[in-house]
Amino acid sequence: TRARIYDREGVLVLDSRNLYGRGDVMRFELAPPNAEKPGFAEKTMIAIRTWLNRGDLPLYRELGPENGNGYQEVQQALDGRKGSMVRINDRGEVIVSVSVPVQRFRAVHGALMLSTQGDDIDQLVTNERLAILKVFGIASGVMILLSLLLASTIAGPMRRLADSAERV
């Protein structure tokens, strides 16, 4: 979980993703200059995941440190209310974020925003869907096997009865 604290004006004060060591050094990860774009297979998986799972979720954008008010849930927290939002990033992964006001004696001093990493929820959902698919596959196999067994136990005597009726 990523934690961010914004002050009363919506300026980022602290981001847990950028803390390193004892908390006194800020670290910013930049994308490599030669970052490869997703291939055809990965683009197809992103499109399928987006189409199957997401519906009309808004796109998650990483805002700068001065733009905390750009997040709807942070605005709600700065107004003294709890806020939450579900978004989708450009890779088709769900990001859930929740914001609460930082208060003292009912005076709002800032907002705390907690958000999931991009793939956390998707991995849980995928694992549960695979478990359901396995159960469905086993149940289907047992059903087909029992159907064949039942059909053979019913069809054999019926065939003998038809043969006997023709001989008579």
N, C-alpha and C. Protein backbone atom coordinates (compact mmCIF):
# COMPACT_ATOMS: atom_id res chain seq x y z
N THR A 1 0.84 -1.18 0.00
CA THR A 1 0.00 0.00 0.00
C THR A 1 0.88 1.24 0.00
N ARG A 2 0.50 2.16 -0.82
CA ARG A 2 1.25 3.42 -0.91
C ARG A 2 0.51 4.47 -0.08
N ALA A 3 1.23 5.19 0.75
CA ALA A 3 0.64 6.23 1.59
C ALA A 3 1.19 7.59 1.17
N ARG A 4 0.28 8.55 1.04
CA ARG A 4 0.67 9.92 0.72
C ARG A 4 -0.05 10.87 1.67
N ILE A 5 0.68 11.88 2.13
CA ILE A 5 0.10 12.90 2.99
C ILE A 5 0.17 14.23 2.26
N TYR A 6 -0.97 14.90 2.20
CA TYR A 6 -1.07 16.21 1.56
C TYR A 6 -1.39 17.25 2.62
N ASP A 7 -0.87 18.46 2.43
CA ASP A 7 -1.18 19.53 3.37
C ASP A 7 -2.52 20.16 3.00
N ARG A 8 -2.89 21.21 3.70
CA ARG A 8 -4.22 21.84 3.53
C ARG A 8 -4.44 22.37 2.11
N GLU A 9 -3.37 22.75 1.42
CA GLU A 9 -3.50 23.28 0.06
C GLU A 9 -3.42 22.18 -1.00
N GLY A 10 -3.22 20.94 -0.60
CA GLY A 10 -3.14 19.84 -1.56
C GLY A 10 -1.74 19.57 -2.07
N VAL A 11 -0.72 20.10 -1.39
CA VAL A 11 0.67 19.88 -1.78
C VAL A 11 1.16 18.62 -1.08
N LEU A 12 1.84 17.76 -1.82
CA LEU A 12 2.36 16.51 -1.27
C LEU A 12 3.44 16.80 -0.23
N VAL A 13 3.25 16.27 0.97
CA VAL A 13 4.21 16.43 2.05
C VAL A 13 5.09 15.18 2.16
N LEU A 14 4.48 14.00 2.03
CA LEU A 14 5.20 12.76 2.21
C LEU A 14 4.59 11.68 1.32
N ASP A 15 5.46 10.91 0.67
CA ASP A 15 5.03 9.80 -0.18
C ASP A 15 5.85 8.58 0.21
N SER A 16 5.18 7.52 0.63
CA SER A 16 5.90 6.33 1.10
C SER A 16 6.69 5.66 -0.01
N ARG A 17 6.33 5.86 -1.24
CA ARG A 17 7.07 5.26 -2.35
C ARG A 17 8.45 5.90 -2.51
N ASN A 18 8.60 7.13 -2.07
CA ASN A 18 9.85 7.85 -2.25
C ASN A 18 10.74 7.84 -1.03
N LEU A 19 10.34 7.18 0.03
CA LEU A 19 11.16 7.15 1.24
C LEU A 19 12.20 6.04 1.11
N TYR A 20 13.35 6.31 1.64
CA TYR A 20 14.43 5.34 1.58
C TYR A 20 15.21 5.42 2.88
N GLY A 21 15.57 4.27 3.42
CA GLY A 21 16.40 4.27 4.63
C GLY A 21 15.64 4.78 5.83
N ARG A 22 16.19 5.77 6.51
CA ARG A 22 15.61 6.28 7.75
C ARG A 22 14.51 7.30 7.50
N GLY A 23 14.17 7.56 6.28
CA GLY A 23 13.10 8.49 6.00
C GLY A 23 13.59 9.90 5.73
N ASP A 24 14.89 10.11 5.74
CA ASP A 24 15.38 11.47 5.53
C ASP A 24 15.88 11.68 4.10
N VAL A 25 15.80 10.67 3.26
CA VAL A 25 16.26 10.81 1.88
C VAL A 25 15.09 10.53 0.95
N MET A 26 14.85 11.41 0.02
CA MET A 26 13.78 11.21 -0.95
C MET A 26 14.37 10.53 -2.18
N ARG A 27 13.65 9.57 -2.72
CA ARG A 27 14.12 8.82 -3.87
C ARG A 27 13.00 8.82 -4.91
N PHE A 28 13.32 9.18 -6.15
CA PHE A 28 12.36 9.19 -7.23
C PHE A 28 12.83 8.23 -8.30
N GLU A 29 11.98 7.27 -8.66
CA GLU A 29 12.34 6.31 -9.69
C GLU A 29 11.87 6.84 -11.04
N LEU A 30 12.78 6.88 -11.97
CA LEU A 30 12.45 7.32 -13.31
C LEU A 30 12.42 6.11 -14.24
N ALA A 31 11.60 6.19 -15.27
CA ALA A 31 11.56 5.12 -16.25
C ALA A 31 12.87 5.11 -17.02
N PRO A 32 13.36 3.93 -17.40
CA PRO A 32 14.59 3.89 -18.17
C PRO A 32 14.39 4.56 -19.52
N PRO A 33 15.43 5.21 -20.04
CA PRO A 33 15.27 5.96 -21.30
C PRO A 33 14.94 5.06 -22.48
N ASN A 34 15.33 3.80 -22.43
CA ASN A 34 15.04 2.89 -23.53
C ASN A 34 13.97 1.88 -23.13
N ALA A 35 12.96 2.33 -22.40
CA ALA A 35 11.89 1.43 -21.94
C ALA A 35 11.17 0.84 -23.16
N GLU A 36 11.04 -0.47 -23.13
CA GLU A 36 10.39 -1.15 -24.24
C GLU A 36 8.88 -0.99 -24.12
N LYS A 37 8.24 -0.81 -25.25
CA LYS A 37 6.79 -0.73 -25.27
C LYS A 37 6.24 -2.15 -25.22
N PRO A 38 5.02 -2.32 -24.69
CA PRO A 38 4.47 -3.67 -24.61
C PRO A 38 4.30 -4.28 -25.99
N GLY A 39 4.56 -5.58 -26.06
CA GLY A 39 4.43 -6.30 -27.33
C GLY A 39 2.99 -6.61 -27.64
N PHE A 40 2.78 -7.33 -28.74
CA PHE A 40 1.43 -7.65 -29.19
C PHE A 40 0.69 -8.50 -28.16
N ALA A 41 1.36 -9.51 -27.60
CA ALA A 41 0.71 -10.39 -26.62
C ALA A 41 0.31 -9.61 -25.37
N GLU A 42 1.20 -8.75 -24.90
CA GLU A 42 0.89 -7.97 -23.69
C GLU A 42 -0.23 -6.97 -23.95
N LYS A 43 -0.22 -6.34 -25.12
CA LYS A 43 -1.30 -5.41 -25.47
C LYS A 43 -2.64 -6.14 -25.54
N THR A 44 -2.61 -7.36 -26.09
CA THR A 44 -3.84 -8.15 -26.19
C THR A 44 -4.36 -8.51 -24.80
N MET A 45 -3.47 -8.92 -23.90
CA MET A 45 -3.88 -9.25 -22.53
C MET A 45 -4.44 -8.04 -21.80
N ILE A 46 -3.82 -6.88 -22.01
CA ILE A 46 -4.31 -5.65 -21.39
C ILE A 46 -5.70 -5.33 -21.91
N ALA A 47 -5.90 -5.45 -23.21
CA ALA A 47 -7.21 -5.16 -23.80
C ALA A 47 -8.28 -6.12 -23.29
N ILE A 48 -7.94 -7.41 -23.20
CA ILE A 48 -8.91 -8.40 -22.70
C ILE A 48 -9.23 -8.14 -21.24
N ARG A 49 -8.19 -7.89 -20.43
CA ARG A 49 -8.40 -7.61 -19.01
C ARG A 49 -9.26 -6.37 -18.82
N THR A 50 -9.00 -5.35 -19.60
CA THR A 50 -9.77 -4.12 -19.50
C THR A 50 -11.22 -4.37 -19.91
N TRP A 51 -11.41 -5.09 -21.00
CA TRP A 51 -12.76 -5.33 -21.50
C TRP A 51 -13.57 -6.20 -20.55
N LEU A 52 -12.95 -7.23 -19.97
CA LEU A 52 -13.67 -8.15 -19.10
C LEU A 52 -13.94 -7.58 -17.71
N ASN A 53 -12.99 -6.87 -17.15
CA ASN A 53 -13.04 -6.57 -15.73
C ASN A 53 -13.48 -5.16 -15.37
N ARG A 54 -13.29 -4.21 -16.21
CA ARG A 54 -13.29 -2.85 -15.71
C ARG A 54 -14.56 -2.04 -15.91
N GLY A 55 -15.25 -2.24 -17.00
CA GLY A 55 -16.39 -1.37 -17.24
C GLY A 55 -15.91 0.03 -17.59
N ASP A 56 -16.49 1.03 -16.97
CA ASP A 56 -16.17 2.42 -17.28
C ASP A 56 -15.43 3.09 -16.13
N LEU A 57 -14.34 2.50 -15.69
CA LEU A 57 -13.57 3.11 -14.62
C LEU A 57 -12.72 4.25 -15.18
N PRO A 58 -12.56 5.32 -14.40
CA PRO A 58 -11.70 6.42 -14.88
C PRO A 58 -10.24 6.01 -14.91
N LEU A 59 -9.47 6.69 -15.72
CA LEU A 59 -8.05 6.41 -15.87
C LEU A 59 -7.27 7.04 -14.72
N TYR A 60 -6.35 6.27 -14.14
CA TYR A 60 -5.49 6.77 -13.07
C TYR A 60 -4.30 7.49 -13.68
N ARG A 61 -4.06 8.71 -13.23
CA ARG A 61 -2.90 9.47 -13.67
C ARG A 61 -2.08 9.85 -12.44
N GLU A 62 -0.78 9.76 -12.57
CA GLU A 62 0.11 10.18 -11.49
C GLU A 62 0.27 11.69 -11.59
N LEU A 63 -0.19 12.39 -10.57
CA LEU A 63 -0.12 13.85 -10.57
C LEU A 63 1.15 14.31 -9.86
N GLY A 64 1.57 15.49 -10.12
CA GLY A 64 2.77 16.04 -9.49
C GLY A 64 2.55 16.32 -8.02
N PRO A 65 3.61 16.67 -7.29
CA PRO A 65 3.50 16.87 -5.85
C PRO A 65 2.65 18.08 -5.45
N GLU A 66 2.40 19.00 -6.37
CA GLU A 66 1.58 20.17 -6.03
C GLU A 66 0.12 19.98 -6.37
N ASN A 67 -0.24 18.83 -6.94
CA ASN A 67 -1.59 18.67 -7.48
C ASN A 67 -2.42 17.65 -6.72
N GLY A 68 -2.35 17.63 -5.41
CA GLY A 68 -3.17 16.70 -4.64
C GLY A 68 -4.65 16.93 -4.81
N ASN A 69 -5.03 18.16 -5.09
CA ASN A 69 -6.44 18.47 -5.31
C ASN A 69 -6.97 17.86 -6.60
N GLY A 70 -6.08 17.36 -7.44
CA GLY A 70 -6.51 16.70 -8.67
C GLY A 70 -7.14 15.35 -8.41
N TYR A 71 -6.93 14.78 -7.25
CA TYR A 71 -7.58 13.53 -6.85
C TYR A 71 -8.87 13.87 -6.11
N GLN A 72 -9.96 13.33 -6.58
CA GLN A 72 -11.26 13.63 -6.00
C GLN A 72 -11.33 13.23 -4.53
N GLU A 73 -10.74 12.09 -4.18
CA GLU A 73 -10.80 11.63 -2.80
C GLU A 73 -9.98 12.52 -1.86
N VAL A 74 -8.90 13.13 -2.35
CA VAL A 74 -8.12 14.06 -1.54
C VAL A 74 -8.92 15.34 -1.32
N GLN A 75 -9.61 15.80 -2.33
CA GLN A 75 -10.46 16.99 -2.17
C GLN A 75 -11.52 16.74 -1.10
N GLN A 76 -12.13 15.56 -1.12
CA GLN A 76 -13.14 15.24 -0.11
C GLN A 76 -12.53 15.22 1.27
N ALA A 77 -11.33 14.64 1.39
CA ALA A 77 -10.67 14.58 2.70
C ALA A 77 -10.31 15.97 3.19
N LEU A 78 -9.88 16.84 2.29
CA LEU A 78 -9.55 18.22 2.70
C LEU A 78 -10.80 19.00 3.09
N ASP A 79 -11.97 18.53 2.63
CA ASP A 79 -13.24 19.13 3.05
C ASP A 79 -13.76 18.50 4.34
N GLY A 80 -13.01 17.51 4.88
CA GLY A 80 -13.40 16.91 6.15
C GLY A 80 -14.18 15.62 6.01
N ARG A 81 -14.28 15.06 4.81
CA ARG A 81 -15.03 13.83 4.58
C ARG A 81 -14.09 12.74 4.09
N LYS A 82 -14.47 11.49 4.34
CA LYS A 82 -13.71 10.36 3.80
C LYS A 82 -14.04 10.24 2.32
N GLY A 83 -13.06 9.79 1.55
CA GLY A 83 -13.29 9.61 0.12
C GLY A 83 -12.59 8.38 -0.39
N SER A 84 -13.17 7.78 -1.41
CA SER A 84 -12.54 6.61 -2.03
C SER A 84 -12.81 6.65 -3.52
N MET A 85 -11.95 5.96 -4.27
CA MET A 85 -12.07 5.96 -5.73
C MET A 85 -11.42 4.70 -6.27
N VAL A 86 -12.03 4.14 -7.31
CA VAL A 86 -11.46 3.00 -8.02
C VAL A 86 -11.14 3.47 -9.42
N ARG A 87 -9.90 3.27 -9.82
CA ARG A 87 -9.45 3.71 -11.14
C ARG A 87 -8.72 2.57 -11.82
N ILE A 88 -8.41 2.79 -13.09
CA ILE A 88 -7.65 1.82 -13.87
C ILE A 88 -6.44 2.53 -14.45
N ASN A 89 -5.28 1.88 -14.41
CA ASN A 89 -4.10 2.53 -14.98
C ASN A 89 -3.97 2.17 -16.46
N ASP A 90 -2.95 2.67 -17.11
CA ASP A 90 -2.81 2.47 -18.55
C ASP A 90 -2.46 1.03 -18.92
N ARG A 91 -2.12 0.20 -17.94
CA ARG A 91 -1.83 -1.21 -18.19
C ARG A 91 -3.05 -2.09 -17.92
N GLY A 92 -4.19 -1.48 -17.58
CA GLY A 92 -5.40 -2.25 -17.32
C GLY A 92 -5.51 -2.78 -15.92
N GLU A 93 -4.70 -2.29 -14.98
CA GLU A 93 -4.70 -2.76 -13.61
C GLU A 93 -5.53 -1.83 -12.73
N VAL A 94 -6.26 -2.42 -11.79
CA VAL A 94 -7.13 -1.65 -10.90
C VAL A 94 -6.32 -1.04 -9.77
N ILE A 95 -6.59 0.23 -9.49
CA ILE A 95 -5.97 0.93 -8.36
C ILE A 95 -7.09 1.48 -7.50
N VAL A 96 -7.12 1.07 -6.24
CA VAL A 96 -8.12 1.54 -5.29
C VAL A 96 -7.43 2.50 -4.35
N SER A 97 -8.02 3.68 -4.17
CA SER A 97 -7.43 4.65 -3.24
C SER A 97 -8.50 5.17 -2.29
N VAL A 98 -8.06 5.41 -1.05
CA VAL A 98 -8.94 5.89 0.01
C VAL A 98 -8.25 7.07 0.67
N SER A 99 -9.03 8.10 0.98
CA SER A 99 -8.47 9.29 1.62
C SER A 99 -9.28 9.63 2.86
N VAL A 100 -8.57 10.02 3.92
CA VAL A 100 -9.21 10.48 5.15
C VAL A 100 -8.56 11.80 5.57
N PRO A 101 -9.33 12.65 6.21
CA PRO A 101 -8.74 13.92 6.66
C PRO A 101 -7.82 13.71 7.86
N VAL A 102 -6.77 14.52 7.91
CA VAL A 102 -5.89 14.57 9.07
C VAL A 102 -6.39 15.75 9.90
N GLN A 103 -6.97 15.44 11.07
CA GLN A 103 -7.65 16.47 11.85
C GLN A 103 -7.10 16.54 13.26
N ARG A 104 -7.27 17.71 13.83
CA ARG A 104 -7.02 17.91 15.25
C ARG A 104 -8.06 18.90 15.73
N PHE A 105 -8.86 18.48 16.68
CA PHE A 105 -9.95 19.30 17.20
C PHE A 105 -10.85 19.78 16.08
N ARG A 106 -11.21 18.88 15.18
CA ARG A 106 -12.10 19.12 14.04
C ARG A 106 -11.55 20.09 13.00
N ALA A 107 -10.31 20.52 13.17
CA ALA A 107 -9.68 21.37 12.16
C ALA A 107 -8.88 20.48 11.22
N VAL A 108 -9.14 20.58 9.93
CA VAL A 108 -8.47 19.75 8.95
C VAL A 108 -7.09 20.35 8.65
N HIS A 109 -6.05 19.55 8.86
CA HIS A 109 -4.68 20.00 8.60
C HIS A 109 -4.11 19.41 7.33
N GLY A 110 -4.79 18.42 6.78
CA GLY A 110 -4.29 17.78 5.57
C GLY A 110 -5.10 16.54 5.27
N ALA A 111 -4.55 15.69 4.41
CA ALA A 111 -5.24 14.47 4.00
C ALA A 111 -4.24 13.33 3.88
N LEU A 112 -4.68 12.15 4.27
CA LEU A 112 -3.89 10.93 4.12
C LEU A 112 -4.56 10.09 3.03
N MET A 113 -3.80 9.76 2.00
CA MET A 113 -4.33 8.96 0.90
C MET A 113 -3.58 7.64 0.84
N LEU A 114 -4.30 6.53 0.92
CA LEU A 114 -3.74 5.19 0.79
C LEU A 114 -4.21 4.60 -0.53
N SER A 115 -3.30 4.02 -1.28
CA SER A 115 -3.68 3.42 -2.56
C SER A 115 -2.95 2.11 -2.76
N THR A 116 -3.60 1.21 -3.49
CA THR A 116 -3.00 -0.09 -3.78
C THR A 116 -2.02 0.06 -4.93
N GLN A 117 -1.13 -0.89 -5.04
CA GLN A 117 -0.24 -0.94 -6.20
C GLN A 117 -1.05 -1.51 -7.36
N GLY A 118 -0.57 -1.29 -8.55
CA GLY A 118 -1.34 -1.64 -9.73
C GLY A 118 -1.77 -3.08 -9.86
N ASP A 119 -0.97 -4.04 -9.45
CA ASP A 119 -1.26 -5.43 -9.75
C ASP A 119 -1.78 -6.22 -8.55
N ASP A 120 -1.87 -5.60 -7.37
CA ASP A 120 -2.25 -6.34 -6.16
C ASP A 120 -3.64 -6.96 -6.28
N ILE A 121 -4.62 -6.17 -6.56
CA ILE A 121 -6.00 -6.64 -6.63
C ILE A 121 -6.19 -7.56 -7.82
N ASP A 122 -5.57 -7.23 -8.94
CA ASP A 122 -5.71 -8.06 -10.13
C ASP A 122 -5.19 -9.47 -9.90
N GLN A 123 -4.09 -9.62 -9.17
CA GLN A 123 -3.56 -10.95 -8.89
C GLN A 123 -4.52 -11.75 -8.02
N LEU A 124 -5.11 -11.12 -7.02
CA LEU A 124 -6.08 -11.81 -6.16
C LEU A 124 -7.29 -12.26 -6.96
N VAL A 125 -7.82 -11.36 -7.78
CA VAL A 125 -9.00 -11.69 -8.59
C VAL A 125 -8.67 -12.80 -9.58
N THR A 126 -7.51 -12.72 -10.22
CA THR A 126 -7.11 -13.75 -11.18
C THR A 126 -6.96 -15.11 -10.51
N ASN A 127 -6.35 -15.15 -9.32
CA ASN A 127 -6.20 -16.41 -8.60
C ASN A 127 -7.55 -17.01 -8.24
N GLU A 128 -8.49 -16.18 -7.80
CA GLU A 128 -9.82 -16.69 -7.44
C GLU A 128 -10.57 -17.18 -8.68
N ARG A 129 -10.43 -16.48 -9.78
CA ARG A 129 -11.09 -16.92 -11.01
C ARG A 129 -10.51 -18.23 -11.51
N LEU A 130 -9.20 -18.41 -11.38
CA LEU A 130 -8.60 -19.68 -11.77
C LEU A 130 -9.08 -20.81 -10.88
N ALA A 131 -9.25 -20.56 -9.59
CA ALA A 131 -9.76 -21.59 -8.68
C ALA A 131 -11.19 -21.97 -9.07
N ILE A 132 -12.01 -20.98 -9.40
CA ILE A 132 -13.38 -21.26 -9.82
C ILE A 132 -13.38 -22.03 -11.13
N LEU A 133 -12.49 -21.67 -12.05
CA LEU A 133 -12.40 -22.37 -13.32
C LEU A 133 -11.97 -23.82 -13.13
N LYS A 134 -11.06 -24.08 -12.19
CA LYS A 134 -10.65 -25.46 -11.90
C LYS A 134 -11.82 -26.27 -11.36
N VAL A 135 -12.55 -25.69 -10.43
CA VAL A 135 -13.71 -26.39 -9.87
C VAL A 135 -14.74 -26.67 -10.96
N PHE A 136 -14.98 -25.71 -11.84
CA PHE A 136 -15.92 -25.89 -12.95
C PHE A 136 -15.44 -27.01 -13.87
N GLY A 137 -14.15 -27.06 -14.16
CA GLY A 137 -13.60 -28.10 -15.03
C GLY A 137 -13.76 -29.48 -14.42
N ILE A 138 -13.45 -29.60 -13.13
CA ILE A 138 -13.60 -30.90 -12.46
C ILE A 138 -15.06 -31.32 -12.41
N ALA A 139 -15.94 -30.37 -12.08
CA ALA A 139 -17.38 -30.69 -12.03
C ALA A 139 -17.90 -31.09 -13.41
N SER A 140 -17.43 -30.42 -14.45
CA SER A 140 -17.85 -30.78 -15.81
C SER A 140 -17.37 -32.17 -16.18
N GLY A 141 -16.13 -32.49 -15.86
CA GLY A 141 -15.59 -33.82 -16.15
C GLY A 141 -16.36 -34.92 -15.43
N VAL A 142 -16.66 -34.71 -14.15
CA VAL A 142 -17.43 -35.70 -13.38
C VAL A 142 -18.82 -35.83 -13.97
N MET A 143 -19.44 -34.72 -14.36
CA MET A 143 -20.79 -34.75 -14.93
C MET A 143 -20.81 -35.54 -16.24
N ILE A 144 -19.84 -35.31 -17.11
CA ILE A 144 -19.77 -36.03 -18.38
C ILE A 144 -19.54 -37.51 -18.13
N LEU A 145 -18.65 -37.84 -17.23
CA LEU A 145 -18.37 -39.25 -16.91
C LEU A 145 -19.61 -39.95 -16.36
N LEU A 146 -20.31 -39.31 -15.44
CA LEU A 146 -21.52 -39.90 -14.88
C LEU A 146 -22.63 -40.01 -15.93
N SER A 147 -22.72 -39.04 -16.82
CA SER A 147 -23.72 -39.10 -17.89
C SER A 147 -23.46 -40.29 -18.81
N LEU A 148 -22.21 -40.50 -19.17
CA LEU A 148 -21.87 -41.65 -20.02
C LEU A 148 -22.15 -42.96 -19.30
N LEU A 149 -21.83 -43.04 -18.04
CA LEU A 149 -22.09 -44.24 -17.26
C LEU A 149 -23.59 -44.51 -17.16
N LEU A 150 -24.35 -43.48 -16.86
CA LEU A 150 -25.79 -43.62 -16.74
C LEU A 150 -26.42 -43.98 -18.08
N ALA A 151 -25.96 -43.36 -19.14
CA ALA A 151 -26.50 -43.67 -20.47
C ALA A 151 -26.20 -45.11 -20.85
N SER A 152 -25.01 -45.61 -20.53
CA SER A 152 -24.68 -47.00 -20.89
C SER A 152 -25.48 -47.99 -20.05
N THR A 153 -25.74 -47.68 -18.79
CA THR A 153 -26.52 -48.60 -17.95
C THR A 153 -27.99 -48.61 -18.34
N ILE A 154 -28.50 -47.52 -18.90
CA ILE A 154 -29.89 -47.47 -19.36
C ILE A 154 -29.99 -48.03 -20.77
N ALA A 155 -29.04 -47.72 -21.62
CA ALA A 155 -29.11 -48.12 -23.03
C ALA A 155 -28.94 -49.62 -23.20
N GLY A 156 -28.11 -50.27 -22.41
CA GLY A 156 -27.88 -51.71 -22.54
C GLY A 156 -29.16 -52.52 -22.34
N PRO A 157 -29.84 -52.35 -21.23
CA PRO A 157 -31.09 -53.10 -21.04
C PRO A 157 -32.17 -52.75 -22.08
N MET A 158 -32.22 -51.49 -22.49
CA MET A 158 -33.21 -51.09 -23.50
C MET A 158 -32.92 -51.77 -24.83
N ARG A 159 -31.66 -51.91 -25.18
CA ARG A 159 -31.27 -52.58 -26.42
C ARG A 159 -31.65 -54.06 -26.36
N ARG A 160 -31.40 -54.70 -25.23
CA ARG A 160 -31.77 -56.11 -25.07
C ARG A 160 -33.28 -56.29 -25.15
N LEU A 161 -34.02 -55.35 -24.57
CA LEU A 161 -35.48 -55.41 -24.61
C LEU A 161 -35.99 -55.24 -26.04
N ALA A 162 -35.37 -54.33 -26.80
CA ALA A 162 -35.77 -54.14 -28.21
C ALA A 162 -35.45 -55.36 -29.04
N ASP A 163 -34.29 -55.97 -28.81
CA ASP A 163 -33.93 -57.21 -29.53
C ASP A 163 -34.92 -58.33 -29.22
N SER A 164 -35.28 -58.46 -27.96
CA SER A 164 -36.24 -59.49 -27.56
C SER A 164 -37.61 -59.24 -28.19
N ALA A 165 -38.02 -57.98 -28.26
CA ALA A 165 -39.32 -57.66 -28.86
C ALA A 165 -39.31 -57.98 -30.34
N GLU A 166 -38.23 -57.77 -31.03
CA GLU A 166 -38.16 -58.09 -32.46
C GLU A 166 -38.17 -59.60 -32.68
N ARG A 167 -37.54 -60.36 -31.81
CA ARG A 167 -37.55 -61.82 -31.97
C ARG A 167 -38.95 -62.37 -31.75
N VAL A 168 -39.70 -61.77 -30.85
CA VAL A 168 -41.07 -62.23 -30.60
C VAL A 168 -41.92 -61.89 -31.81
